[in-house]
């Protein structure tokens, strides 16, 4: 008889724990859904006031077009380098010529 009561008690407590975990999970999921949804990069910086947000937007309007061309050029050069690296037979001279061309635009991106 004691084994039967132990088993019933164990199963009941396990069921209660599972129900509690499910309730906590449901509560936290709903709480996360209710929280402010991130709509843009400015939502990731919560302590900016409206003037600072406007300044960041203006800076990005100037900065992003400047670096867009550099990023596009880097993308093309990286894909060209990848083609050279996987081509048979490998031509080390072409790879050595192309590698510095990838590093120079990266430096200019860091400087902007």
N, C-alpha and C. Protein backbone atom coordinates (compact mmCIF):
# COMPACT_ATOMS: atom_id res chain seq x y z
N UNK A 1 0.79 -1.20 0.00
CA UNK A 1 0.00 0.00 0.00
C UNK A 1 0.85 1.28 0.00
N UNK A 2 1.96 1.34 0.80
CA UNK A 2 2.76 2.57 0.81
C UNK A 2 3.35 2.90 -0.58
N UNK A 3 3.68 1.87 -1.37
CA UNK A 3 4.22 2.13 -2.71
C UNK A 3 3.16 2.79 -3.58
N UNK A 4 1.93 2.35 -3.44
CA UNK A 4 0.83 2.92 -4.21
C UNK A 4 0.66 4.40 -3.87
N UNK A 5 0.67 4.74 -2.59
CA UNK A 5 0.51 6.13 -2.19
C UNK A 5 1.71 6.97 -2.61
N UNK A 6 2.89 6.39 -2.53
CA UNK A 6 4.09 7.10 -2.99
C UNK A 6 3.98 7.41 -4.47
N UNK A 7 3.55 6.42 -5.26
CA UNK A 7 3.43 6.60 -6.71
C UNK A 7 2.39 7.67 -7.03
N UNK A 8 1.26 7.63 -6.37
CA UNK A 8 0.21 8.63 -6.58
C UNK A 8 0.72 10.02 -6.21
N UNK A 9 1.40 10.13 -5.09
CA UNK A 9 1.95 11.41 -4.66
C UNK A 9 3.00 11.94 -5.62
N UNK A 10 3.85 11.05 -6.08
CA UNK A 10 4.90 11.45 -7.03
C UNK A 10 4.28 11.93 -8.34
N UNK A 11 3.31 11.20 -8.85
CA UNK A 11 2.67 11.58 -10.11
C UNK A 11 1.90 12.89 -9.96
N UNK A 12 1.24 13.09 -8.83
CA UNK A 12 0.50 14.33 -8.60
C UNK A 12 1.45 15.52 -8.52
N UNK A 13 2.54 15.37 -7.78
CA UNK A 13 3.49 16.48 -7.67
C UNK A 13 4.15 16.76 -9.01
N UNK A 14 4.45 15.72 -9.79
CA UNK A 14 5.02 15.92 -11.12
C UNK A 14 4.04 16.67 -12.02
N UNK A 15 2.78 16.31 -11.95
CA UNK A 15 1.76 16.98 -12.76
C UNK A 15 1.63 18.45 -12.36
N UNK A 16 1.66 18.72 -11.08
CA UNK A 16 1.58 20.11 -10.60
C UNK A 16 2.77 20.92 -11.09
N UNK A 17 3.95 20.33 -11.03
CA UNK A 17 5.16 21.03 -11.49
C UNK A 17 5.08 21.30 -12.99
N UNK A 18 4.61 20.34 -13.76
CA UNK A 18 4.48 20.53 -15.21
C UNK A 18 3.47 21.63 -15.52
N UNK A 19 2.37 21.64 -14.81
CA UNK A 19 1.36 22.69 -15.01
C UNK A 19 1.92 24.06 -14.65
N UNK A 20 2.67 24.15 -13.55
CA UNK A 20 3.27 25.43 -13.16
C UNK A 20 4.27 25.92 -14.21
N UNK A 21 5.09 25.03 -14.72
CA UNK A 21 6.06 25.42 -15.74
C UNK A 21 5.34 25.89 -17.00
N UNK A 22 4.28 25.20 -17.39
CA UNK A 22 3.51 25.62 -18.57
C UNK A 22 2.88 26.99 -18.36
N UNK A 23 2.36 27.24 -17.17
CA UNK A 23 1.75 28.54 -16.88
C UNK A 23 2.79 29.66 -16.91
N UNK A 24 3.95 29.41 -16.34
CA UNK A 24 5.02 30.41 -16.35
C UNK A 24 5.47 30.68 -17.78
N UNK A 25 5.63 29.63 -18.56
CA UNK A 25 6.03 29.79 -19.95
C UNK A 25 5.00 30.62 -20.72
N UNK A 26 3.73 30.31 -20.54
CA UNK A 26 2.66 31.04 -21.22
C UNK A 26 2.67 32.51 -20.80
N UNK A 27 2.83 32.77 -19.51
CA UNK A 27 2.86 34.14 -19.00
C UNK A 27 4.03 34.91 -19.61
N UNK A 28 5.21 34.33 -19.61
CA UNK A 28 6.38 35.03 -20.14
C UNK A 28 6.27 35.24 -21.64
N UNK A 29 5.68 34.29 -22.36
CA UNK A 29 5.49 34.45 -23.80
C UNK A 29 4.56 35.62 -24.08
N UNK A 30 3.45 35.69 -23.38
CA UNK A 30 2.51 36.79 -23.57
C UNK A 30 3.13 38.13 -23.17
N UNK A 31 3.91 38.12 -22.09
CA UNK A 31 4.55 39.36 -21.64
C UNK A 31 5.52 39.86 -22.70
N UNK A 32 6.24 38.96 -23.31
CA UNK A 32 7.20 39.35 -24.35
C UNK A 32 6.47 39.89 -25.58
N UNK A 33 5.35 39.30 -25.92
CA UNK A 33 4.58 39.78 -27.07
C UNK A 33 4.00 41.17 -26.81
N UNK A 34 3.64 41.44 -25.57
CA UNK A 34 3.07 42.74 -25.22
C UNK A 34 4.12 43.84 -25.18
N UNK A 35 5.36 43.47 -24.94
CA UNK A 35 6.40 44.49 -24.84
C UNK A 35 6.56 45.20 -26.18
N UNK A 36 7.14 46.36 -26.15
CA UNK A 36 7.28 47.17 -27.36
C UNK A 36 8.09 46.40 -28.40
N UNK A 37 7.52 46.31 -29.56
CA UNK A 37 8.20 45.60 -30.63
C UNK A 37 9.24 46.51 -31.27
N UNK A 38 10.37 45.94 -31.62
CA UNK A 38 11.44 46.70 -32.25
C UNK A 38 11.04 46.96 -33.70
N UNK A 39 10.98 48.23 -34.07
CA UNK A 39 10.60 48.58 -35.43
C UNK A 39 11.79 49.08 -36.23
N UNK A 40 12.85 49.47 -35.57
CA UNK A 40 14.02 49.97 -36.27
C UNK A 40 15.20 50.04 -35.34
N UNK A 41 16.32 50.48 -35.89
CA UNK A 41 17.56 50.52 -35.10
C UNK A 41 17.45 51.50 -33.94
N UNK A 42 16.64 52.55 -34.07
CA UNK A 42 16.53 53.53 -32.99
C UNK A 42 15.82 52.96 -31.77
N UNK A 43 15.01 51.94 -31.97
CA UNK A 43 14.35 51.30 -30.83
C UNK A 43 15.33 50.52 -29.97
N UNK A 44 16.49 50.23 -30.52
CA UNK A 44 17.52 49.50 -29.76
C UNK A 44 18.33 50.44 -28.86
N UNK A 45 18.14 51.74 -29.03
CA UNK A 45 18.83 52.73 -28.20
C UNK A 45 17.75 53.45 -27.39
N UNK A 46 17.37 52.91 -26.25
CA UNK A 46 16.21 53.44 -25.53
C UNK A 46 16.41 54.79 -24.86
N UNK A 47 17.65 55.18 -24.60
CA UNK A 47 17.85 56.41 -23.82
C UNK A 47 18.12 57.64 -24.69
N UNK A 48 17.72 57.63 -25.97
CA UNK A 48 17.84 58.82 -26.81
C UNK A 48 16.56 59.63 -26.72
N UNK A 49 16.71 60.93 -26.61
CA UNK A 49 15.50 61.76 -26.68
C UNK A 49 15.19 62.03 -28.15
N UNK A 50 14.11 62.73 -28.43
CA UNK A 50 13.64 62.91 -29.81
C UNK A 50 14.62 63.72 -30.66
N UNK A 51 15.26 64.70 -30.06
CA UNK A 51 16.26 65.50 -30.80
C UNK A 51 17.44 64.62 -31.22
N UNK A 52 17.90 63.79 -30.29
CA UNK A 52 19.02 62.90 -30.60
C UNK A 52 18.63 61.89 -31.68
N UNK A 53 17.41 61.38 -31.60
CA UNK A 53 16.93 60.44 -32.63
C UNK A 53 16.93 61.11 -34.00
N UNK A 54 16.47 62.35 -34.06
CA UNK A 54 16.45 63.09 -35.32
C UNK A 54 17.87 63.28 -35.85
N UNK A 55 18.82 63.59 -34.97
CA UNK A 55 20.21 63.77 -35.37
C UNK A 55 20.79 62.47 -35.93
N UNK A 56 20.48 61.34 -35.28
CA UNK A 56 20.97 60.05 -35.76
C UNK A 56 20.39 59.75 -37.14
N UNK A 57 19.11 60.04 -37.33
CA UNK A 57 18.49 59.82 -38.66
C UNK A 57 19.18 60.65 -39.73
N UNK A 58 19.47 61.91 -39.42
CA UNK A 58 20.13 62.78 -40.40
C UNK A 58 21.55 62.31 -40.71
N UNK A 59 22.26 61.87 -39.70
CA UNK A 59 23.61 61.35 -39.92
C UNK A 59 23.57 60.12 -40.81
N UNK A 60 22.60 59.25 -40.56
CA UNK A 60 22.49 58.04 -41.37
C UNK A 60 22.08 58.34 -42.80
N UNK A 61 21.28 59.39 -43.01
CA UNK A 61 20.90 59.77 -44.37
C UNK A 61 22.12 60.19 -45.18
N UNK A 62 23.10 60.78 -44.52
CA UNK A 62 24.32 61.20 -45.21
C UNK A 62 25.31 60.04 -45.30
N UNK A 63 25.43 59.30 -44.22
CA UNK A 63 26.45 58.25 -44.12
C UNK A 63 26.15 57.05 -45.01
N UNK A 64 24.94 56.55 -44.97
CA UNK A 64 24.62 55.31 -45.68
C UNK A 64 24.82 55.39 -47.20
N UNK A 65 24.41 56.48 -47.87
CA UNK A 65 24.70 56.54 -49.30
C UNK A 65 26.20 56.55 -49.62
N UNK A 66 26.99 57.16 -48.74
CA UNK A 66 28.44 57.19 -48.97
C UNK A 66 29.04 55.79 -48.94
N UNK A 67 28.60 55.00 -47.98
CA UNK A 67 29.21 53.68 -47.83
C UNK A 67 28.52 52.61 -48.67
N UNK A 68 27.37 52.91 -49.23
CA UNK A 68 26.65 51.90 -50.03
C UNK A 68 27.48 51.45 -51.22
N UNK A 69 28.12 52.39 -51.90
CA UNK A 69 28.94 52.04 -53.05
C UNK A 69 30.16 51.22 -52.63
N UNK A 70 30.77 51.58 -51.51
CA UNK A 70 31.93 50.83 -51.01
C UNK A 70 31.50 49.41 -50.65
N UNK A 71 30.36 49.25 -50.02
CA UNK A 71 29.88 47.91 -49.65
C UNK A 71 29.57 47.08 -50.88
N UNK A 72 28.97 47.70 -51.88
CA UNK A 72 28.67 46.98 -53.12
C UNK A 72 29.96 46.52 -53.78
N UNK A 73 30.95 47.40 -53.82
CA UNK A 73 32.24 47.06 -54.41
C UNK A 73 32.91 45.92 -53.64
N UNK A 74 32.84 45.98 -52.31
CA UNK A 74 33.40 44.92 -51.48
C UNK A 74 32.71 43.59 -51.74
N UNK A 75 31.41 43.61 -51.87
CA UNK A 75 30.65 42.38 -52.15
C UNK A 75 31.11 41.76 -53.46
N UNK A 76 31.26 42.58 -54.49
CA UNK A 76 31.68 42.06 -55.79
C UNK A 76 33.10 41.48 -55.73
N UNK A 77 33.99 42.19 -55.03
CA UNK A 77 35.37 41.71 -54.92
C UNK A 77 35.46 40.42 -54.10
N UNK A 78 34.67 40.33 -53.05
CA UNK A 78 34.67 39.10 -52.24
C UNK A 78 34.14 37.92 -53.04
N UNK A 79 33.11 38.15 -53.82
CA UNK A 79 32.58 37.04 -54.63
C UNK A 79 33.60 36.64 -55.70
N UNK A 80 34.30 37.62 -56.25
CA UNK A 80 35.35 37.31 -57.21
C UNK A 80 36.49 36.51 -56.56
N UNK A 81 36.85 36.90 -55.35
CA UNK A 81 37.88 36.17 -54.60
C UNK A 81 37.43 34.75 -54.30
N UNK A 82 36.17 34.59 -53.92
CA UNK A 82 35.65 33.25 -53.66
C UNK A 82 35.72 32.39 -54.92
N UNK A 83 35.38 32.97 -56.05
CA UNK A 83 35.48 32.22 -57.32
C UNK A 83 36.91 31.80 -57.59
N UNK A 84 37.85 32.72 -57.33
CA UNK A 84 39.26 32.39 -57.56
C UNK A 84 39.75 31.29 -56.61
N UNK A 85 39.30 31.34 -55.38
CA UNK A 85 39.75 30.36 -54.40
C UNK A 85 39.26 28.95 -54.71
N UNK A 86 38.07 28.84 -55.31
CA UNK A 86 37.50 27.52 -55.57
C UNK A 86 37.68 27.05 -57.01
N UNK A 87 38.40 27.81 -57.78
CA UNK A 87 38.61 27.42 -59.17
C UNK A 87 39.79 26.45 -59.26
N UNK A 88 39.72 25.57 -60.20
CA UNK A 88 40.80 24.60 -60.41
C UNK A 88 41.51 24.93 -61.71
N UNK A 89 42.78 24.99 -61.77
CA UNK A 89 43.76 25.04 -60.69
C UNK A 89 43.77 26.43 -60.06
N UNK A 90 44.20 26.47 -58.83
CA UNK A 90 44.25 27.74 -58.09
C UNK A 90 45.39 28.59 -58.65
N UNK A 91 45.07 29.86 -58.86
CA UNK A 91 46.07 30.81 -59.37
C UNK A 91 46.44 31.78 -58.25
N UNK A 92 47.54 31.52 -57.53
CA UNK A 92 47.91 32.36 -56.38
C UNK A 92 48.20 33.82 -56.75
N UNK A 93 48.68 34.05 -57.97
CA UNK A 93 48.99 35.43 -58.36
C UNK A 93 47.73 36.29 -58.44
N UNK A 94 46.68 35.74 -59.03
CA UNK A 94 45.42 36.49 -59.10
C UNK A 94 44.85 36.74 -57.70
N UNK A 95 44.96 35.73 -56.85
CA UNK A 95 44.47 35.88 -55.47
C UNK A 95 45.27 36.95 -54.74
N UNK A 96 46.58 36.92 -54.89
CA UNK A 96 47.43 37.93 -54.24
C UNK A 96 47.15 39.33 -54.77
N UNK A 97 46.79 39.44 -56.04
CA UNK A 97 46.47 40.75 -56.61
C UNK A 97 45.13 41.27 -56.10
N UNK A 98 44.18 40.37 -55.89
CA UNK A 98 42.83 40.79 -55.49
C UNK A 98 42.70 41.06 -53.99
N UNK A 99 43.43 40.35 -53.17
CA UNK A 99 43.29 40.47 -51.71
C UNK A 99 43.51 41.90 -51.20
N UNK A 100 44.57 42.62 -51.63
CA UNK A 100 44.72 44.01 -51.14
C UNK A 100 43.57 44.92 -51.57
N UNK A 101 42.96 44.62 -52.71
CA UNK A 101 41.82 45.44 -53.16
C UNK A 101 40.61 45.28 -52.26
N UNK A 102 40.55 44.19 -51.52
CA UNK A 102 39.45 44.00 -50.57
C UNK A 102 39.76 44.73 -49.27
N UNK A 103 41.01 44.74 -48.86
CA UNK A 103 41.38 45.38 -47.60
C UNK A 103 41.29 46.90 -47.66
N UNK A 104 41.63 47.50 -48.78
CA UNK A 104 41.60 48.97 -48.88
C UNK A 104 40.20 49.55 -48.71
N UNK A 105 39.17 49.04 -49.38
CA UNK A 105 37.82 49.59 -49.11
C UNK A 105 37.35 49.35 -47.68
N UNK A 106 37.77 48.26 -47.07
CA UNK A 106 37.38 48.02 -45.68
C UNK A 106 37.98 49.09 -44.78
N UNK A 107 39.21 49.48 -45.07
CA UNK A 107 39.83 50.54 -44.27
C UNK A 107 39.07 51.85 -44.43
N UNK A 108 38.68 52.16 -45.67
CA UNK A 108 37.96 53.41 -45.89
C UNK A 108 36.58 53.38 -45.24
N UNK A 109 35.98 52.20 -45.14
CA UNK A 109 34.70 52.08 -44.44
C UNK A 109 34.88 52.38 -42.96
N UNK A 110 35.97 51.89 -42.37
CA UNK A 110 36.22 52.13 -40.96
C UNK A 110 36.49 53.60 -40.68
N UNK A 111 37.07 54.31 -41.65
CA UNK A 111 37.42 55.70 -41.45
C UNK A 111 36.19 56.61 -41.56
N UNK A 112 35.16 56.19 -42.26
CA UNK A 112 33.98 57.05 -42.44
C UNK A 112 33.12 57.05 -41.27
